[in-house]
Protein backbone atom coordinates (compact mmCIF):
# COMPACT_ATOMS: atom_id res chain seq x y z
CA UNK A 1 -11.04 -38.81 39.36
CA UNK A 2 -8.24 -37.89 36.96
CA UNK A 3 -10.75 -36.50 34.50
CA UNK A 4 -12.22 -34.21 37.15
CA UNK A 5 -8.78 -32.98 38.09
CA UNK A 6 -8.02 -32.29 34.44
CA UNK A 7 -11.19 -30.21 34.04
CA UNK A 8 -10.38 -28.16 37.14
CA UNK A 9 -6.85 -27.48 35.88
CA UNK A 10 -8.15 -26.38 32.48
CA UNK A 11 -10.66 -24.04 34.06
CA UNK A 12 -8.09 -22.41 36.32
CA UNK A 13 -5.34 -22.12 33.72
CA UNK A 14 -4.82 -18.39 32.97
CA UNK A 15 -6.28 -17.31 29.59
CA UNK A 16 -3.38 -14.84 29.25
CA UNK A 17 -1.18 -17.88 28.49
CA UNK A 18 -3.51 -19.04 25.72
CA UNK A 19 -3.60 -15.48 24.32
CA UNK A 20 0.21 -15.41 24.11
CA UNK A 21 0.33 -18.75 22.37
CA UNK A 22 -2.36 -17.71 19.86
CA UNK A 23 -0.60 -14.40 19.26
CA UNK A 24 2.47 -16.34 18.23
CA UNK A 25 0.63 -18.14 15.37
CA UNK A 26 0.78 -15.11 12.88
CA UNK A 27 4.53 -14.95 13.35
CA UNK A 28 5.09 -18.51 12.10
CA UNK A 29 7.08 -18.96 8.95
CA UNK A 30 4.11 -20.23 7.03
CA UNK A 31 1.86 -19.06 4.24
CA UNK A 32 -1.13 -16.80 4.93
CA UNK A 33 -3.50 -19.67 4.08
CA UNK A 34 -1.91 -22.00 6.59
CA UNK A 35 -1.97 -19.41 9.36
CA UNK A 36 -5.67 -18.65 8.67
CA UNK A 37 -6.38 -22.34 8.87
CA UNK A 38 -4.66 -22.72 12.22
CA UNK A 39 -6.41 -19.72 13.71
CA UNK A 40 -9.79 -20.87 12.40
CA UNK A 41 -9.36 -24.25 14.12
CA UNK A 42 -8.22 -22.61 17.34
CA UNK A 43 -11.31 -20.41 17.30
CA UNK A 44 -13.46 -23.59 17.56
CA UNK A 45 -11.75 -24.87 20.68
CA UNK A 46 -13.77 -22.94 23.23
CA UNK A 47 -15.48 -19.58 23.74
CA UNK A 48 -12.45 -18.21 25.65
CA UNK A 49 -10.17 -18.65 22.64
CA UNK A 50 -12.53 -16.96 20.18
CA UNK A 51 -11.81 -13.27 20.83
CA UNK A 52 -8.06 -13.53 20.40
CA UNK A 53 -8.42 -15.72 17.27
CA UNK A 54 -10.84 -13.24 15.72
CA UNK A 55 -8.45 -10.39 16.49
CA UNK A 56 -5.73 -12.04 14.41
CA UNK A 57 -8.04 -13.37 11.73
CA UNK A 58 -9.56 -9.95 10.93
CA UNK A 59 -6.74 -7.55 11.79
CA UNK A 60 -5.45 -8.04 8.20
CA UNK A 61 -7.93 -8.94 5.44
CA UNK A 62 -6.91 -10.05 1.94
CA UNK A 63 -9.44 -10.07 -0.94
CA UNK A 64 -8.06 -11.64 -4.13
CA UNK A 65 -10.47 -11.48 -7.04
CA UNK A 66 -9.19 -13.02 -10.25
CA UNK A 67 -12.49 -14.28 -11.63
CA UNK A 68 -16.16 -13.26 -11.33
CA UNK A 69 -16.91 -16.09 -8.88
CA UNK A 70 -14.37 -14.78 -6.44
CA UNK A 71 -16.64 -11.79 -5.77
CA UNK A 72 -18.44 -14.04 -3.35
CA UNK A 73 -15.62 -13.32 -0.94
CA UNK A 74 -16.54 -9.70 -0.78
CA UNK A 75 -20.14 -10.68 -0.16
CA UNK A 76 -19.04 -12.93 2.76
CA UNK A 77 -16.98 -10.08 4.26
CA UNK A 78 -19.82 -7.60 3.88
CA UNK A 79 -22.27 -10.00 5.50
CA UNK A 80 -19.88 -10.70 8.36
CA UNK A 81 -19.36 -7.00 9.05
CA UNK A 82 -23.08 -6.41 8.92
CA UNK A 83 -24.22 -9.36 11.14
CA UNK A 84 -21.41 -9.24 13.71
CA UNK A 85 -20.73 -5.52 14.56
CA UNK A 86 -17.87 -6.40 17.00
CA UNK A 87 -15.81 -7.61 14.03
CA UNK A 88 -15.73 -4.24 12.25
CA UNK A 89 -13.39 -2.50 14.74
CA UNK A 90 -10.88 -5.45 14.42
CA UNK A 91 -10.00 -4.74 10.77
CA UNK A 92 -6.84 -2.63 10.64
CA UNK A 93 -5.40 -3.50 7.23
CA UNK A 94 -7.21 -4.31 3.98
CA UNK A 95 -5.61 -5.53 0.79
CA UNK A 96 -7.65 -5.95 -2.38
CA UNK A 97 -6.19 -7.56 -5.48
CA UNK A 98 -8.45 -7.21 -8.52
CA UNK A 99 -7.33 -8.48 -11.93
CA UNK A 100 -10.48 -9.57 -13.67
CA UNK A 101 -10.03 -9.08 -17.40
CA UNK A 102 -12.67 -7.20 -19.30
CA UNK A 103 -13.91 -5.29 -16.28
CA UNK A 104 -11.92 -2.03 -15.96
CA UNK A 105 -11.60 -1.11 -12.39
CA UNK A 106 -13.44 -4.27 -11.27
CA UNK A 107 -14.52 -4.32 -7.67
CA UNK A 108 -11.97 -1.61 -6.75
CA UNK A 109 -14.19 1.11 -8.29
CA UNK A 110 -17.03 0.11 -5.86
CA UNK A 111 -15.04 -1.05 -2.81
CA UNK A 112 -15.44 2.00 -0.51
CA UNK A 113 -19.16 2.10 -1.32
CA UNK A 114 -19.66 -1.47 -0.12
CA UNK A 115 -17.56 -0.92 3.00
CA UNK A 116 -18.68 2.64 3.86
CA UNK A 117 -18.93 3.13 7.68
CA UNK A 118 -18.15 -0.54 8.29
CA UNK A 119 -14.33 -0.22 8.99
CA UNK A 120 -13.98 2.45 11.65
CA UNK A 121 -10.43 1.55 12.69
CA UNK A 122 -8.84 0.69 9.32
CA UNK A 123 -5.41 2.33 9.10
CA UNK A 124 -3.87 0.77 5.94
CA UNK A 125 -5.40 0.18 2.55
CA UNK A 126 -3.66 -1.54 -0.42
CA UNK A 127 -5.26 -1.58 -3.90
CA UNK A 128 -3.72 -3.85 -6.56
CA UNK A 129 -5.34 -3.70 -9.99
CA UNK A 130 -2.82 -5.89 -11.93
CA UNK A 131 -2.13 -3.22 -14.54
CA UNK A 132 -5.76 -2.79 -15.49
CA UNK A 133 -7.42 0.59 -15.95
CA UNK A 134 -8.97 1.86 -12.77
CA UNK A 135 -12.26 3.60 -13.53
CA UNK A 136 -13.73 4.91 -10.28
CA UNK A 137 -17.42 5.15 -9.50
CA UNK A 138 -18.73 8.79 -9.02
CA UNK A 139 -19.52 7.91 -5.37
CA UNK A 140 -16.13 6.37 -4.76
CA UNK A 141 -14.60 9.54 -3.31
CA UNK A 142 -17.49 10.38 -0.95
CA UNK A 143 -17.47 6.81 0.36
CA UNK A 144 -13.75 6.94 0.85
CA UNK A 145 -14.13 9.81 3.37
CA UNK A 146 -15.83 7.38 5.79
CA UNK A 147 -12.44 5.77 6.51
CA UNK A 148 -11.50 8.38 9.07
CA UNK A 149 -8.60 6.42 10.68
CA UNK A 150 -6.84 5.60 7.38
CA UNK A 151 -3.18 6.78 7.54
CA UNK A 152 -1.48 4.50 4.94
CA UNK A 153 -2.43 4.10 1.32
CA UNK A 154 -0.69 1.88 -1.24
CA UNK A 155 -1.47 1.64 -4.96
CA UNK A 156 0.17 -1.23 -6.92
CA UNK A 157 0.31 -1.76 -10.65
CA UNK A 158 -2.44 0.71 -11.25
CA UNK A 159 -3.41 2.86 -14.25
CA UNK A 160 -5.32 5.85 -13.03
CA UNK A 161 -6.32 9.31 -14.23
CA UNK A 162 -4.24 12.03 -12.58
CA UNK A 163 -7.24 14.16 -11.56
CA UNK A 164 -8.91 11.10 -9.94
CA UNK A 165 -5.66 10.30 -8.08
CA UNK A 166 -5.76 13.83 -6.60
CA UNK A 167 -9.41 13.36 -5.57
CA UNK A 168 -8.48 10.10 -3.80
CA UNK A 169 -5.80 11.85 -1.77
CA UNK A 170 -8.10 14.81 -1.08
CA UNK A 171 -10.73 12.38 0.35
CA UNK A 172 -8.09 11.05 2.86
CA UNK A 173 -6.78 14.05 4.71
CA UNK A 174 -5.17 11.97 7.44
CA UNK A 175 -3.01 9.83 5.17
CA UNK A 176 0.66 10.28 6.12
CA UNK A 177 2.18 7.27 4.36
CA UNK A 178 1.79 6.90 0.62
CA UNK A 179 3.26 4.14 -1.52
CA UNK A 180 3.02 4.10 -5.30
CA UNK A 181 4.32 0.92 -6.83
CA UNK A 182 4.09 0.74 -10.61
CA UNK A 183 1.48 3.52 -10.89
CA UNK A 184 0.96 5.05 -14.33
CA UNK A 185 -1.12 8.18 -14.92
CA UNK A 186 -3.03 8.17 -18.17
CA UNK A 187 -3.66 11.85 -18.78
CA UNK A 188 -0.19 13.34 -18.74
CA UNK A 189 0.11 15.34 -21.86
CA UNK A 190 2.57 17.98 -23.09
CA UNK A 191 -0.05 20.72 -22.84
CA UNK A 192 -0.32 20.07 -19.10
CA UNK A 193 3.19 21.25 -18.40
CA UNK A 194 2.32 24.85 -19.18
CA UNK A 195 -0.47 24.79 -16.61
CA UNK A 196 1.62 23.60 -13.75
CA UNK A 197 3.56 26.66 -12.59
CA UNK A 198 0.70 27.95 -10.49
CA UNK A 199 -0.94 24.51 -9.96
CA UNK A 200 -0.71 22.69 -6.63
CA UNK A 201 -2.53 19.41 -6.27
CA UNK A 202 -4.49 18.89 -3.05
CA UNK A 203 -2.12 16.35 -1.46
CA UNK A 204 -2.26 15.64 2.29
CA UNK A 205 0.87 16.61 4.34
CA UNK A 206 2.60 13.27 3.95
CA UNK A 207 5.46 12.22 6.15
CA UNK A 208 6.46 9.18 4.06
CA UNK A 209 6.45 8.77 0.28
CA UNK A 210 7.56 5.75 -1.72
CA UNK A 211 7.45 5.76 -5.53
CA UNK A 212 8.90 2.54 -6.98
CA UNK A 213 8.71 0.59 -10.22
CA UNK A 214 8.10 3.86 -12.11
CA UNK A 215 7.46 3.54 -15.85
CA UNK A 216 10.50 3.95 -18.03
CA UNK A 217 11.12 7.28 -19.64
CA UNK A 218 9.60 8.14 -23.01
CA UNK A 219 7.20 5.18 -23.10
CA UNK A 220 3.43 5.04 -23.47
CA UNK A 221 2.86 5.48 -19.72
CA UNK A 222 5.84 7.74 -19.05
CA UNK A 223 6.06 10.59 -21.51
CA UNK A 224 8.57 13.34 -20.70
CA UNK A 225 5.78 15.06 -18.68
CA UNK A 226 6.00 12.16 -16.19
CA UNK A 227 9.32 13.55 -14.91
CA UNK A 228 7.72 16.94 -14.46
CA UNK A 229 4.80 15.45 -12.63
CA UNK A 230 7.12 13.57 -10.19
CA UNK A 231 9.03 16.70 -9.49
CA UNK A 232 5.79 18.64 -8.99
CA UNK A 233 4.59 16.09 -6.35
CA UNK A 234 8.01 16.26 -4.66
CA UNK A 235 7.96 20.05 -4.54
CA UNK A 236 4.51 20.05 -2.95
CA UNK A 237 5.58 17.48 -0.28
CA UNK A 238 8.87 19.15 0.48
CA UNK A 239 7.81 20.95 3.70
CA UNK A 240 6.40 17.76 5.37
CA UNK A 241 7.93 14.55 4.16
CA UNK A 242 10.62 12.94 6.40
CA UNK A 243 11.06 9.57 4.63
CA UNK A 244 11.40 9.29 0.86
CA UNK A 245 11.98 6.25 -1.41
CA UNK A 246 12.27 6.88 -5.11
CA UNK A 247 13.04 5.08 -8.34
CA UNK A 248 14.82 7.53 -10.61
CA UNK A 249 14.45 5.54 -13.83
CA UNK A 250 12.13 8.22 -15.21
CA UNK A 251 15.13 10.59 -15.43
CA UNK A 252 17.23 8.17 -17.42
CA UNK A 253 17.69 10.36 -20.55
CA UNK A 254 17.42 13.74 -18.92
CA UNK A 255 20.61 15.67 -19.33
CA UNK A 256 19.33 19.08 -18.30
CA UNK A 257 16.05 19.02 -16.42
CA UNK A 258 15.88 22.78 -15.97
CA UNK A 259 16.06 23.53 -19.70
CA UNK A 260 13.79 20.67 -20.74
CA UNK A 261 11.16 21.35 -18.08
CA UNK A 262 11.32 25.11 -17.33
CA UNK A 263 8.11 25.17 -15.34
CA UNK A 264 9.29 22.75 -12.67
CA UNK A 265 10.83 24.21 -9.48
CA UNK A 266 14.62 24.37 -9.96
CA UNK A 267 15.35 23.34 -6.33
CA UNK A 268 13.61 20.55 -4.45
CA UNK A 269 13.79 21.67 -0.80
CA UNK A 270 12.98 19.11 1.92
CA UNK A 271 13.00 20.82 5.22
CA UNK A 272 12.24 17.73 7.41
CA UNK A 273 13.66 14.93 5.30
CA UNK A 274 15.57 12.46 7.49
CA UNK A 275 15.89 9.34 5.32
CA UNK A 276 16.25 9.14 1.53
CA UNK A 277 16.53 5.97 -0.62
CA UNK A 278 17.17 6.29 -4.33
CA UNK A 279 17.25 3.36 -6.79
CA UNK A 280 18.47 3.71 -10.31
CA UNK A 281 18.66 1.12 -13.08
CA UNK A 282 21.78 1.69 -15.24
CA UNK A 283 22.16 -0.13 -18.54
CA UNK A 284 25.89 -0.12 -18.20
CA UNK A 285 27.72 -0.14 -21.55
CA UNK A 286 31.32 0.77 -22.49
CA UNK A 287 30.11 3.52 -24.83
CA UNK A 288 27.41 4.95 -22.63
CA UNK A 289 27.77 8.17 -20.68
CA UNK A 290 27.07 8.36 -16.93
CA UNK A 291 23.47 8.80 -15.83
CA UNK A 292 23.23 12.59 -16.01
CA UNK A 293 19.56 12.58 -15.07
CA UNK A 294 20.35 10.83 -11.77
CA UNK A 295 23.22 13.21 -10.98
CA UNK A 296 21.21 16.22 -11.99
CA UNK A 297 18.43 15.09 -9.56
CA UNK A 298 20.99 15.08 -6.77
CA UNK A 299 22.27 18.51 -7.71
CA UNK A 300 18.89 20.08 -7.33
CA UNK A 301 18.09 18.29 -4.07
CA UNK A 302 18.47 20.24 -0.84
CA UNK A 303 17.80 18.50 2.48
CA UNK A 304 19.55 20.20 5.44
CA UNK A 305 18.21 17.67 7.95
CA UNK A 306 19.09 14.55 5.99
CA UNK A 307 20.63 11.83 8.24
CA UNK A 308 20.44 8.59 6.12
CA UNK A 309 21.10 8.31 2.40
CA UNK A 310 20.75 4.98 0.66
CA UNK A 311 21.69 4.63 -3.00
CA UNK A 312 21.03 1.46 -4.99
CA UNK A 313 22.58 1.32 -8.43
CA UNK A 314 21.28 -1.58 -10.42
CA UNK A 315 23.82 -2.19 -13.13
CA UNK A 316 22.75 -4.20 -16.15
CA UNK A 317 25.80 -5.05 -18.32
CA UNK A 318 25.00 -6.56 -21.69
CA UNK A 319 28.22 -7.33 -23.62
CA UNK A 320 31.18 -6.23 -21.50
CA UNK A 321 31.96 -5.37 -17.93
CA UNK A 322 32.26 -1.72 -18.78
CA UNK A 323 34.76 0.90 -17.55
CA UNK A 324 35.20 0.90 -13.75
CA UNK A 325 36.34 4.55 -13.91
CA UNK A 326 32.82 5.49 -15.15
CA UNK A 327 31.09 3.57 -12.36
CA UNK A 328 33.31 4.96 -9.61
CA UNK A 329 33.02 8.41 -11.14
CA UNK A 330 29.27 8.32 -10.46
CA UNK A 331 29.96 7.03 -6.97
CA UNK A 332 32.39 9.93 -6.36
CA UNK A 333 29.79 12.43 -7.42
CA UNK A 334 27.34 10.93 -4.90
CA UNK A 335 30.09 11.17 -2.27
CA UNK A 336 30.64 14.87 -3.16
CA UNK A 337 26.89 15.62 -2.83
CA UNK A 338 26.72 13.85 0.54
CA UNK A 339 29.75 15.78 1.82
CA UNK A 340 27.73 18.98 1.54
CA UNK A 341 25.05 17.60 3.89
CA UNK A 342 26.42 18.38 7.35
CA UNK A 343 23.78 16.36 9.25
CA UNK A 344 24.41 13.14 7.31
CA UNK A 345 25.41 10.25 9.53
CA UNK A 346 24.91 7.24 7.20
CA UNK A 347 25.63 6.88 3.48
CA UNK A 348 25.07 3.45 1.97
CA UNK A 349 25.91 2.76 -1.68
CA UNK A 350 24.82 -0.63 -3.00
CA UNK A 351 25.92 -1.69 -6.50
CA UNK A 352 23.75 -4.54 -7.76
CA UNK A 353 25.00 -6.37 -10.90
CA UNK A 354 21.94 -7.80 -12.66
CA UNK A 355 23.24 -10.73 -14.81
CA UNK A 356 19.94 -11.60 -16.38
CA UNK A 357 20.67 -9.30 -19.36
CA UNK A 358 24.03 -10.74 -20.27
CA UNK A 359 24.21 -11.78 -23.94
CA UNK A 360 27.69 -13.14 -24.50
CA UNK A 361 29.23 -13.46 -21.10
CA UNK A 362 29.07 -16.54 -19.00
CA UNK A 363 27.52 -15.69 -15.65
CA UNK A 364 29.96 -17.82 -13.62
CA UNK A 365 32.88 -16.27 -15.43
CA UNK A 366 31.45 -12.84 -14.74
CA UNK A 367 31.36 -13.54 -11.00
CA UNK A 368 34.99 -14.59 -11.00
CA UNK A 369 36.10 -11.47 -12.88
CA UNK A 370 34.01 -9.03 -10.91
CA UNK A 371 36.43 -8.91 -7.99
CA UNK A 372 39.45 -8.28 -10.23
CA UNK A 373 37.72 -5.88 -12.52
CA UNK A 374 35.94 -3.65 -9.95
CA UNK A 375 36.88 -4.35 -6.36
CA UNK A 376 40.60 -4.41 -6.94
CA UNK A 377 40.63 -1.60 -9.46
CA UNK A 378 42.92 1.34 -8.62
CA UNK A 379 39.98 3.80 -9.04
CA UNK A 380 38.21 2.14 -6.21
CA UNK A 381 41.19 2.29 -3.94
CA UNK A 382 41.85 5.93 -4.75
CA UNK A 383 38.31 6.84 -4.00
CA UNK A 384 38.43 5.15 -0.66
CA UNK A 385 41.62 7.00 0.24
CA UNK A 386 40.30 10.45 -0.75
CA UNK A 387 36.78 10.12 0.60
CA UNK A 388 36.25 12.14 3.81
CA UNK A 389 32.98 10.29 4.51
CA UNK A 390 34.69 6.93 4.25
CA UNK A 391 37.38 8.05 6.71
CA UNK A 392 34.66 9.18 9.18
CA UNK A 393 32.89 5.87 8.94
CA UNK A 394 29.80 7.39 7.36
CA UNK A 395 30.25 5.81 3.87
CA UNK A 396 29.65 2.15 3.18
CA UNK A 397 29.84 0.60 -0.27
CA UNK A 398 28.76 -2.93 -1.07
CA UNK A 399 28.56 -5.04 -4.28
CA UNK A 400 25.94 -7.69 -4.94
CA UNK A 401 25.08 -10.07 -7.74
C-alpha cells in the first residue's frame, strides 16, 4: 500500500521542481568533470529528467585534445550531433584546446569543416592552440560562415598569420565580442607599416574588445610593427566599441609613438566607449624613467562618453622599492587625463606589487615596509589632497601584493 502511494506521489510531483534542482547542479563549486558526472547520472533516472540534463550537458562543450587518441572525442561529438538532431540546437558555447606537438594547427584547422551546419545556435567559440602555429585549411573560412549565431570569439595562445586572422573575422560578420589572449601574428614586418595608411582590415563592428597577454615589445613575436598593428585595429574599431580591455606592455619602450610610427592615426577616437580597462607591467627600478609609452597612449586617447576607467599597474621591483615620487607621478598623470573626461564617473587605480621577481629583498620584509614606504609617503597624501576626482568620490586607489 505504501509503495503504491509513493508511486502516485512521484507521478504527480511537478517536473518544474526537478528542473530547478537539476539547473542548480552547474552552479556547484565543483570541477567540470564532477558536474558532468552528476548530470549524466541524473539523465538516467527517468525520461522526464533527460531533457533538462541534456540542456546543461551540451550547452557548453569542451574538447581537450593533447594527444592523437583524444581525437576520438571529436568523433563522438560529431556522431552525437548527426544521430540526435535535437542535441545540435542545445550547444551554445564551444571550447577547443589543441596542443598536439608536431601537428601545426591540429584539429583547429579542420574544426568548422567537421561541424558545418551542425551548430545552429552556437554563440561563443573559444580556440586554444597552446602556442602552436595555427595553419588553417583552405575551406576553414567558408565553413566558418555556417555559424550564423556566433557573436563571441576568443583566441588563446595562438600564433596566426595576420591575413588569415582578418579572414576569420570577415567570415563572422555578427561577432560583437572579441577576446585575444596571448595572440601573436607571424607576418608583421617593417615593410608592412608603409602599406597601412590607406589599409583598413575587414573587421566586424565590435562592441567589446579584449587584448591581453600581448607579446612583449621588440621580441620575436612583437616587433615594433606590433604596436602599429594594435593601434590600427583600435582606430578601425573606434566608432563602435563600447568596452575595451588592453594590455599596454607592447608600448613599454615607446617614447614618442607619433615620430616612430608616422603612419598610425595620431588620435584614437572612441565615440561610444563606456568602459576602459588598461593593464601595464612596470619593471620598477630606481634608475628607470616612468613608462612614457603608457602615458603617451593616454595622451592620444579621446573618449567623450567614457564612464568607467580601470587602471592596473603591475609593479615588479627587483632590487629596491624604488622612488614613490615616480610611482605617484604616473598616477597623477592618469588623474590629469581622467579629469578631462567630463562623463567619467568611476576611476579605479590598482597598484599590484609582484614580488616573484625580487632578488635581494625578503618578501615578508617587503610587505612590512610597503605601508611606510608608499602608503604613508607625503607624495601620496599630497596627491589625495589636490585630486579633484578624489574629492568628488570618483577616484579610488588600492594596493595589492
